[in-house]
Structure formats: structure tokens, C-alpha cells
């Protein structure tokens, strides 16, 4: 099968506009590599968002990425992406007139809209993955007017594609709320590279301290402040705030002033540090070094950070939302609290940190769940089943790699 994956930006960009955009690019690259390993021909189409990017590059046997010129060659904020859809769609249509794919899988609503425009004169089915829906975000943010317009466009895209691969049960339920028939939706979660993210490896940490790691921090928030205060209640515990590349490029990796303002009076400054989470080699080591990882589903609706931590044998603490709610088994591979009660997270973490043997057991269970449920090969097989089911494609054996 000739499969086209469409993403709004290239995964190789050093400073993605948002964590969500980076997550969708990681999703497309992980899925694309696994589909290629199953014998399919996969091309990832992304808007060229850095001048240095080659127009085309082979990533692996059967996997190619093509960077198309549409708008300025830099990462775009979400509000600026829609203005480039028409040009991006025109580039896709030009590519697909010469070599039409058997199916298109769009990742993000702007990618889906561009794919629908590009295929309107061709009989090529489009499958959609959103990752995060504005209709759900409207309930947890003050930026409702901007999100309301996006929510209308996402509903339009969802009703016009051949089907939607929802990344989580939460997303599937939200699609039903906006009028997408359940028969047009299949839940296919994000996967994780269980070869790179593994419990094997030497953690770089002080052996006499428990370590909390908060993943995906873009700016200090209420969760960061509560974690700092938790250190005062749990002696011998340190906190690592792991930022993404956008946050690092603006302010370095020093402890933010707002966090220092809390840690200083409590004499905890030496037990808090900030590090970048985007190093290709450093992230697995960081996750392996943690006793407990705190995930922020709002910034990672696919649950990718939680899956990576679990694959490294580290339990996860999070609010039950998005992909995290499906991935983490509360009381077995981590702790979850209801989406409307984030204040319950700190007491649950305090209780867990008081039982090192339970932390170890949770870590073993987390690694087992990541290896059994979320390896990319299994996710790719589920995606293929979704393609054939939703787009009514004939079954065929994969081509030899």
C-alpha cells in the first residue's frame, strides 16, 4: 500500500511552535517507520518550516519525507497555520497528480483540510487524526473565541473525511459530542519506540535522593509550584523540570524566577533544576533516572511523554485526560486523578513516594504495559485495520520490505 502521512510541520525542526505540533510530528514519524517496516511505501508530507531542510529525504527503507514550500520557512503559531492551508494543499495536489497514494492519513486539522482540498478531484480516501480537539480545550482555557473557530473547522473536517483514528477514548467521546458518527471513528493510540525507550541503562542521578520529573513544561504553572512545595513534605526528594526546546531557546535552562520564589524561602533551591527534554540521547536517560514522572496531558494530549516514561520503567502521575487516561492504569502503573480534581494529585504522589517498593512495582508494570500495548508495530497494524475498515480498502498482503 502507498500511504501518505500529512503533518503541519517537520519533526526535525529545532524549535516547534507548540508541544502539540511536535507530538503530532513524532506520531507521524513513529507510525510511518512502523508501516514501512511492515512492507508498505510511506511518504510523510510536511510544510517546509526551516530553510535548511532538504526537499526530499529517505529516512528508512520504504519511508520518505517530502518538505513542501508553503508560507515562510519557519515554525508557525497555531493561529497562523490556516493561512497556509491553500498553498500547502496546492503542493499536495501537484505531488499526488503525478503519484496518487492509496490512502492519506492527516495529522492535525489543518493537515486534514489541506488533504481534503488536494484530493477533491481524486478518488483517494482521507483518514484523520486530531490529537487534541478544540471543543475539549474550550472547557479548560480562557482562549475560547479562537478555539471556537477551530472547533467548527475540526467538526467540518471530521464529517468529510473517510474516517477518524482517534488517539484516545477521550477524543472518540468528544467526536461523538460534535456529531461525528461512532461508526466513522476507531481508537488507535500513539505508540512508543520500545527499542530506544527502555528500562535498560544507567541513570544519571544522586543515589540518595528520590527524583520527580515534570515533563513538557513550557512555562511554570500551578503544577510546578505544587511539586516544589511537595519537596518540603518528602525529605530527600529532588525535582527536575524538563522543558521543551521552545522554552529553552527563550530562557535557557535556569530555574524560573517564579519557582525560585517558592523554593527559596523553603530552602529547596538546591533540590530543583531545569533541563531540556529534547536531546535525542538524553531524554531516555532522564526518564529512566526518575522515580516518578509527572505528565501534563493538556500539553501532550497524545500521551507520548507518559508512554515514553512507562517504556523506561518509570511510573506516571497525571490528571486522567487524553492519551494518558488510556495509557496509565491507576494504582498499577501510576496514579491518575479525575480531570476536574487536579488538587488530588499531590496527596496521591506523596503517598506513593512513601513506599519505594510500590514505586518499583509500578515501574515494572509500566514497562510491561508499554511493551505489550504500545509498541509502534502493534499500533501500525491497528492503523492499517482502521484504514481498511473506514475507507473500505481491499485487504492485501504487505509488499516485501
Protein backbone atom coordinates (compact mmCIF):
# COMPACT_ATOMS: atom_id res chain seq x y z
CA UNK A 1 0.00 0.00 0.00
CA UNK A 2 1.17 3.53 -0.83
CA UNK A 3 0.43 5.63 2.26
CA UNK A 4 0.71 9.42 2.59
CA UNK A 5 1.06 10.89 6.08
CA UNK A 6 0.47 14.65 6.24
CA UNK A 7 1.72 16.76 9.16
CA UNK A 8 1.75 20.53 9.70
CA UNK A 9 5.49 20.74 10.39
CA UNK A 10 8.65 18.68 10.13
CA UNK A 11 9.70 16.64 13.17
CA UNK A 12 13.31 17.71 12.62
CA UNK A 13 12.57 21.34 13.49
CA UNK A 14 14.67 22.51 16.44
CA UNK A 15 12.03 24.88 17.84
CA UNK A 16 8.50 23.62 17.20
CA UNK A 17 5.75 26.19 17.59
CA UNK A 18 3.87 24.12 20.16
CA UNK A 19 4.38 20.85 22.07
CA UNK A 20 1.23 19.52 20.38
CA UNK A 21 2.67 20.10 16.90
CA UNK A 22 5.90 18.36 17.90
CA UNK A 23 3.88 15.45 19.28
CA UNK A 24 1.92 15.01 16.04
CA UNK A 25 5.15 15.05 14.02
CA UNK A 26 6.66 12.42 16.33
CA UNK A 27 3.45 10.41 15.93
CA UNK A 28 3.65 10.53 12.13
CA UNK A 29 7.33 9.56 12.07
CA UNK A 30 6.86 6.69 14.52
CA UNK A 31 3.82 5.37 12.67
CA UNK A 32 5.43 5.88 9.27
CA UNK A 33 8.55 3.95 10.21
CA UNK A 34 6.47 1.04 11.57
CA UNK A 35 4.26 0.95 8.47
CA UNK A 36 7.37 0.88 6.28
CA UNK A 37 8.79 -1.99 8.33
CA UNK A 38 5.57 -3.89 7.58
CA UNK A 39 6.35 -3.57 3.88
CA UNK A 40 4.34 -0.50 2.85
CA UNK A 41 5.59 2.54 0.96
CA UNK A 42 5.16 5.58 3.18
CA UNK A 43 5.72 9.25 2.39
CA UNK A 44 5.47 11.94 5.06
CA UNK A 45 4.45 15.32 3.66
CA UNK A 46 5.26 18.32 5.82
CA UNK A 47 5.38 22.05 5.32
CA UNK A 48 8.98 23.23 4.99
CA UNK A 49 9.49 25.13 8.24
CA UNK A 50 13.27 25.65 8.20
CA UNK A 51 15.47 26.84 5.30
CA UNK A 52 18.00 24.05 5.82
CA UNK A 53 15.52 21.22 5.19
CA UNK A 54 16.03 19.22 2.01
CA UNK A 55 13.04 18.94 -0.33
CA UNK A 56 13.13 15.16 -0.03
CA UNK A 57 14.96 12.73 2.22
CA UNK A 58 14.89 8.99 2.77
CA UNK A 59 14.51 8.18 6.46
CA UNK A 60 14.47 4.38 6.20
CA UNK A 61 13.73 1.70 3.59
CA UNK A 62 10.21 2.42 2.40
CA UNK A 63 9.96 5.73 4.31
CA UNK A 64 10.49 9.13 2.68
CA UNK A 65 9.80 12.66 3.89
CA UNK A 66 8.98 15.49 1.48
CA UNK A 67 9.10 19.09 2.63
CA UNK A 68 6.76 21.33 0.64
CA UNK A 69 7.09 25.09 0.39
CA UNK A 70 4.00 26.80 1.79
CA UNK A 71 4.46 30.07 3.59
CA UNK A 72 7.58 31.21 5.42
CA UNK A 73 10.25 28.57 6.17
CA UNK A 74 9.83 28.73 9.94
CA UNK A 75 7.57 27.18 12.59
CA UNK A 76 4.16 28.81 12.70
CA UNK A 77 1.95 29.50 15.67
CA UNK A 78 -1.37 27.63 15.51
CA UNK A 79 -3.22 30.87 14.66
CA UNK A 80 -1.01 31.33 11.57
CA UNK A 81 -1.32 27.80 10.17
CA UNK A 82 -4.73 28.20 8.47
CA UNK A 83 -3.41 30.96 6.20
CA UNK A 84 -1.01 28.44 4.60
CA UNK A 85 -3.56 25.67 4.03
CA UNK A 86 -4.46 26.63 0.45
CA UNK A 87 -0.83 26.79 -0.69
CA UNK A 88 0.03 23.57 1.13
CA UNK A 89 -3.00 21.86 -0.46
CA UNK A 90 -1.88 23.00 -3.90
CA UNK A 91 1.56 21.50 -3.34
CA UNK A 92 0.00 18.21 -2.18
CA UNK A 93 -2.33 18.10 -5.20
CA UNK A 94 0.62 18.61 -7.53
CA UNK A 95 2.50 15.73 -5.89
CA UNK A 96 -0.49 13.40 -5.91
CA UNK A 97 -1.49 14.05 -9.53
CA UNK A 98 1.84 12.52 -10.50
CA UNK A 99 1.75 9.68 -7.98
CA UNK A 100 -1.53 9.30 -6.09
CA UNK A 101 -1.37 7.44 -2.78
CA UNK A 102 -3.77 4.65 -1.90
CA UNK A 103 -4.74 6.48 1.27
CA UNK A 104 -3.94 9.75 3.04
CA UNK A 105 -3.63 9.96 6.83
CA UNK A 106 -3.72 13.57 8.01
CA UNK A 107 -2.37 14.53 11.44
CA UNK A 108 -3.90 17.83 12.70
CA UNK A 109 -6.98 19.60 11.44
CA UNK A 110 -5.05 21.92 9.11
CA UNK A 111 -3.35 18.91 7.53
CA UNK A 112 -6.77 17.27 7.16
CA UNK A 113 -8.28 20.33 5.50
CA UNK A 114 -5.32 20.55 3.11
CA UNK A 115 -5.65 16.84 2.28
CA UNK A 116 -9.38 17.17 1.58
CA UNK A 117 -8.76 20.10 -0.77
CA UNK A 118 -5.89 18.27 -2.51
CA UNK A 119 -7.93 15.09 -3.11
CA UNK A 120 -11.28 16.60 -4.14
CA UNK A 121 -10.65 15.71 -7.81
CA UNK A 122 -9.22 12.28 -6.97
CA UNK A 123 -10.70 9.11 -5.51
CA UNK A 124 -8.26 8.99 -2.62
CA UNK A 125 -9.70 8.44 0.87
CA UNK A 126 -8.53 10.67 3.72
CA UNK A 127 -8.22 9.40 7.31
CA UNK A 128 -7.87 11.96 10.08
CA UNK A 129 -6.09 12.10 13.44
CA UNK A 130 -6.52 15.26 15.53
CA UNK A 131 -4.56 14.51 18.70
CA UNK A 132 -6.36 17.30 20.55
CA UNK A 133 -9.78 18.78 19.85
CA UNK A 134 -10.58 22.44 20.39
CA UNK A 135 -14.04 21.54 21.67
CA UNK A 136 -12.37 19.85 24.66
CA UNK A 137 -9.78 22.60 25.12
CA UNK A 138 -12.53 25.24 25.27
CA UNK A 139 -13.60 23.85 28.61
CA UNK A 140 -10.16 24.30 30.20
CA UNK A 141 -8.85 27.58 28.81
CA UNK A 142 -9.82 31.24 28.58
CA UNK A 143 -8.94 31.45 24.86
CA UNK A 144 -12.43 30.27 23.91
CA UNK A 145 -13.10 32.66 20.94
CA UNK A 146 -10.05 31.46 18.97
CA UNK A 147 -10.72 27.86 19.90
CA UNK A 148 -14.39 28.10 18.92
CA UNK A 149 -13.46 28.83 15.30
CA UNK A 150 -11.02 25.91 15.29
CA UNK A 151 -13.65 23.64 16.82
CA UNK A 152 -16.03 24.39 13.94
CA UNK A 153 -13.35 23.59 11.38
CA UNK A 154 -12.38 20.36 13.15
CA UNK A 155 -16.01 19.21 13.12
CA UNK A 156 -16.21 20.06 9.40
CA UNK A 157 -13.08 18.05 8.65
CA UNK A 158 -14.23 15.11 10.78
CA UNK A 159 -17.57 14.90 8.94
CA UNK A 160 -15.97 14.96 5.48
CA UNK A 161 -13.07 12.52 5.78
CA UNK A 162 -13.50 8.78 5.28
CA UNK A 163 -12.96 8.24 9.00
CA UNK A 164 -11.10 9.34 12.11
CA UNK A 165 -8.45 7.47 14.04
CA UNK A 166 -8.93 8.96 17.49
CA UNK A 167 -5.78 8.94 19.61
CA UNK A 168 -7.70 8.30 22.84
CA UNK A 169 -11.06 7.34 24.27
CA UNK A 170 -11.48 10.98 25.34
CA UNK A 171 -11.08 12.10 21.74
CA UNK A 172 -13.57 9.50 20.49
CA UNK A 173 -16.15 10.69 23.03
CA UNK A 174 -15.56 14.32 22.07
CA UNK A 175 -16.05 13.49 18.38
CA UNK A 176 -19.40 11.94 19.21
CA UNK A 177 -20.39 15.16 21.02
CA UNK A 178 -19.75 17.23 17.88
CA UNK A 179 -21.83 14.93 15.71
CA UNK A 180 -19.34 12.50 14.20
CA UNK A 181 -20.97 9.04 13.90
CA UNK A 182 -19.27 6.42 16.08
CA UNK A 183 -19.15 4.14 13.03
CA UNK A 184 -16.67 6.60 11.48
CA UNK A 185 -14.27 6.53 14.43
CA UNK A 186 -11.71 4.00 15.60
CA UNK A 187 -9.41 4.47 18.61
CA UNK A 188 -5.78 3.92 17.61
CA UNK A 189 -3.41 5.39 20.23
CA UNK A 190 0.03 6.85 19.88
CA UNK A 191 2.89 4.36 20.11
CA UNK A 192 6.35 4.41 21.61
CA UNK A 193 9.78 3.31 20.40
CA UNK A 194 10.40 0.49 22.87
CA UNK A 195 13.90 -0.01 21.48
CA UNK A 196 15.03 3.49 22.38
CA UNK A 197 12.86 3.97 25.46
CA UNK A 198 13.73 1.01 27.65
CA UNK A 199 14.47 0.37 31.35
CA UNK A 200 17.98 -0.71 30.41
CA UNK A 201 20.67 1.90 31.07
CA UNK A 202 22.48 3.64 33.89
CA UNK A 203 20.54 6.53 35.46
CA UNK A 204 22.44 9.77 35.98
CA UNK A 205 21.31 10.85 39.46
CA UNK A 206 22.20 11.00 43.13
CA UNK A 207 21.55 7.58 44.65
CA UNK A 208 20.42 9.04 47.98
CA UNK A 209 17.50 11.02 46.54
CA UNK A 210 14.12 10.23 45.09
CA UNK A 211 13.62 12.10 41.82
CA UNK A 212 10.45 13.66 40.42
CA UNK A 213 10.49 14.72 36.77
CA UNK A 214 7.86 17.02 35.30
CA UNK A 215 7.81 16.53 31.54
CA UNK A 216 6.71 19.00 28.90
CA UNK A 217 6.87 22.21 30.91
CA UNK A 218 6.59 25.28 28.67
CA UNK A 219 6.15 27.82 31.48
CA UNK A 220 5.99 27.38 35.27
CA UNK A 221 2.42 26.67 36.34
CA UNK A 222 0.39 25.61 39.35
CA UNK A 223 1.61 22.03 38.99
CA UNK A 224 5.25 23.15 39.12
CA UNK A 225 4.58 25.22 42.25
CA UNK A 226 2.77 22.35 43.97
CA UNK A 227 5.62 19.98 43.15
CA UNK A 228 8.16 22.35 44.72
CA UNK A 229 6.07 22.51 47.89
CA UNK A 230 5.84 18.71 47.88
CA UNK A 231 9.64 18.56 48.26
CA UNK A 232 9.29 20.13 51.69
CA UNK A 233 6.98 17.30 52.74
CA UNK A 234 9.13 14.49 51.33
CA UNK A 235 12.74 14.81 52.56
CA UNK A 236 15.45 13.56 50.24
CA UNK A 237 13.44 14.25 47.07
CA UNK A 238 14.54 16.39 44.12
CA UNK A 239 12.56 17.87 41.24
CA UNK A 240 13.65 18.14 37.61
CA UNK A 241 11.54 20.41 35.40
CA UNK A 242 12.06 19.13 31.85
CA UNK A 243 11.34 21.80 29.25
CA UNK A 244 10.88 21.56 25.51
CA UNK A 245 13.15 23.30 23.00
CA UNK A 246 10.92 26.38 22.59
CA UNK A 247 11.06 27.20 26.30
CA UNK A 248 14.80 26.52 26.38
CA UNK A 249 15.53 28.78 23.43
CA UNK A 250 13.84 31.73 25.16
CA UNK A 251 15.09 31.44 28.70
CA UNK A 252 17.82 28.85 28.87
CA UNK A 253 17.64 26.06 31.44
CA UNK A 254 17.86 28.11 34.63
CA UNK A 255 15.23 27.71 37.33
CA UNK A 256 12.44 30.24 36.58
CA UNK A 257 12.08 33.15 38.97
CA UNK A 258 8.55 32.10 39.96
CA UNK A 259 9.83 28.67 41.00
CA UNK A 260 12.83 30.16 42.83
CA UNK A 261 10.41 32.42 44.69
CA UNK A 262 8.73 29.35 46.16
CA UNK A 263 11.82 27.19 46.63
CA UNK A 264 13.99 29.90 48.22
CA UNK A 265 12.04 30.54 51.43
CA UNK A 266 11.68 26.76 51.89
CA UNK A 267 15.46 26.21 51.41
CA UNK A 268 14.73 23.94 48.45
CA UNK A 269 16.60 25.74 45.67
CA UNK A 270 19.32 23.09 45.59
CA UNK A 271 16.73 20.37 45.05
CA UNK A 272 15.13 21.94 41.94
CA UNK A 273 16.65 22.17 38.49
CA UNK A 274 15.58 22.67 34.89
CA UNK A 275 16.81 20.63 31.96
CA UNK A 276 15.95 20.32 28.27
CA UNK A 277 13.92 17.24 27.39
CA UNK A 278 14.54 17.31 23.63
CA UNK A 279 18.01 15.75 23.46
CA UNK A 280 17.91 12.67 21.28
CA UNK A 281 20.10 10.72 23.67
CA UNK A 282 19.31 12.48 26.92
CA UNK A 283 15.57 12.01 27.20
CA UNK A 284 15.54 8.22 27.80
CA UNK A 285 18.28 8.63 30.42
CA UNK A 286 16.32 11.40 32.14
CA UNK A 287 13.12 9.33 32.23
CA UNK A 288 15.00 6.25 33.48
CA UNK A 289 16.54 8.33 36.26
CA UNK A 290 13.15 9.36 37.66
CA UNK A 291 11.25 7.56 40.39
CA UNK A 292 8.03 9.22 39.24
CA UNK A 293 7.20 11.26 36.13
CA UNK A 294 4.52 13.94 36.23
CA UNK A 295 2.83 14.29 32.84
CA UNK A 296 0.73 17.24 31.67
CA UNK A 297 -1.99 15.90 29.34
CA UNK A 298 -3.01 19.44 28.39
CA UNK A 299 0.36 19.86 26.66
CA UNK A 300 0.60 16.25 25.48
CA UNK A 301 -2.88 15.02 24.53
CA UNK A 302 -1.40 12.02 22.69
CA UNK A 303 0.14 10.81 25.95
CA UNK A 304 3.55 10.43 24.29
CA UNK A 305 5.55 11.69 27.30
CA UNK A 306 3.75 9.28 29.61
CA UNK A 307 4.29 6.36 27.23
CA UNK A 308 8.00 7.14 26.99
CA UNK A 309 8.32 7.25 30.77
CA UNK A 310 6.43 3.97 31.14
CA UNK A 311 8.60 2.29 28.50
CA UNK A 312 11.62 3.36 30.57
CA UNK A 313 10.17 1.61 33.59
CA UNK A 314 9.05 4.77 35.38
CA UNK A 315 5.52 5.17 36.78
CA UNK A 316 3.47 8.23 35.84
CA UNK A 317 1.34 10.66 37.85
CA UNK A 318 -1.19 12.67 35.87
CA UNK A 319 -4.68 14.03 35.53
CA UNK A 320 -6.84 11.49 33.69
CA UNK A 321 -7.25 13.13 30.28
CA UNK A 322 -6.31 12.41 26.68
CA UNK A 323 -3.96 9.56 25.87
CA UNK A 324 -2.63 9.46 29.44
CA UNK A 325 -6.03 8.34 30.74
CA UNK A 326 -5.88 5.27 28.48
CA UNK A 327 -2.19 4.50 28.97
CA UNK A 328 -1.76 4.72 32.74
CA UNK A 329 -3.55 2.13 34.87
CA UNK A 330 -4.33 3.88 38.13
CA UNK A 331 -2.86 2.01 41.09
CA UNK A 332 -0.82 -0.30 38.86
CA UNK A 333 1.46 1.67 36.52
CA UNK A 334 0.98 5.07 38.11
CA UNK A 335 -1.59 7.34 39.68
CA UNK A 336 -4.42 9.22 37.99
CA UNK A 337 -6.87 11.73 39.40
CA UNK A 338 -10.12 12.93 37.79
CA UNK A 339 -9.79 15.71 35.24
CA UNK A 340 -11.84 18.07 37.37
CA UNK A 341 -9.83 17.46 40.55
CA UNK A 342 -6.13 18.17 39.87
CA UNK A 343 -5.63 19.08 43.53
CA UNK A 344 -5.84 15.39 44.42
CA UNK A 345 -2.63 14.63 42.52
CA UNK A 346 -0.14 15.85 45.14
CA UNK A 347 -1.57 13.76 48.03
CA UNK A 348 -1.58 10.67 45.79
CA UNK A 349 2.05 11.31 44.85
CA UNK A 350 3.05 11.88 48.48
CA UNK A 351 1.55 8.53 49.47
CA UNK A 352 3.29 6.74 46.59
CA UNK A 353 6.69 8.28 47.31
CA UNK A 354 6.45 6.97 50.87
CA UNK A 355 6.53 3.38 49.55
CA UNK A 356 9.71 2.78 47.48
CA UNK A 357 8.79 -0.87 46.91
CA UNK A 358 5.46 0.19 45.45
CA UNK A 359 7.28 2.63 43.15
CA UNK A 360 9.45 -0.24 41.94
CA UNK A 361 6.43 -2.47 41.34
CA UNK A 362 4.61 0.29 39.49
CA UNK A 363 7.68 0.81 37.30
CA UNK A 364 7.79 -2.87 36.35
CA UNK A 365 4.08 -2.78 35.50
CA UNK A 366 4.53 0.43 33.48
CA UNK A 367 7.30 -1.07 31.34
CA UNK A 368 5.28 -4.23 30.77
CA UNK A 369 2.22 -2.25 29.64
CA UNK A 370 4.26 -0.07 27.29
CA UNK A 371 5.95 -3.10 25.69
CA UNK A 372 2.75 -5.11 25.31
CA UNK A 373 0.20 -2.45 24.32
CA UNK A 374 2.07 0.44 22.73
CA UNK A 375 4.98 -0.70 20.52
CA UNK A 376 4.79 1.04 17.16
CA UNK A 377 4.44 -2.21 15.20
CA UNK A 378 1.19 -3.06 17.01
CA UNK A 379 -0.09 0.49 16.56
CA UNK A 380 0.74 0.33 12.83
CA UNK A 381 -1.22 -2.90 12.46
CA UNK A 382 -4.20 -1.29 14.19
CA UNK A 383 -3.91 1.78 11.93
CA UNK A 384 -3.89 -0.46 8.84
CA UNK A 385 -7.02 -2.23 10.08
CA UNK A 386 -8.61 1.20 10.60
CA UNK A 387 -7.66 2.32 7.08
CA UNK A 388 -9.21 -0.76 5.50
CA UNK A 389 -12.31 -0.64 7.67
CA UNK A 390 -13.09 3.07 7.47
CA UNK A 391 -12.06 3.58 3.84
CA UNK A 392 -13.36 0.19 2.62
CA UNK A 393 -9.97 -0.72 1.17
CA UNK A 394 -9.41 -4.29 -0.01
CA UNK A 395 -7.17 -6.43 2.15
CA UNK A 396 -3.79 -7.15 0.66
CA UNK A 397 -0.56 -8.71 1.90
CA UNK A 398 2.18 -6.13 2.51
CA UNK A 399 4.91 -5.87 -0.06
CA UNK A 400 8.27 -7.34 0.85
CA UNK A 401 10.49 -4.75 2.51
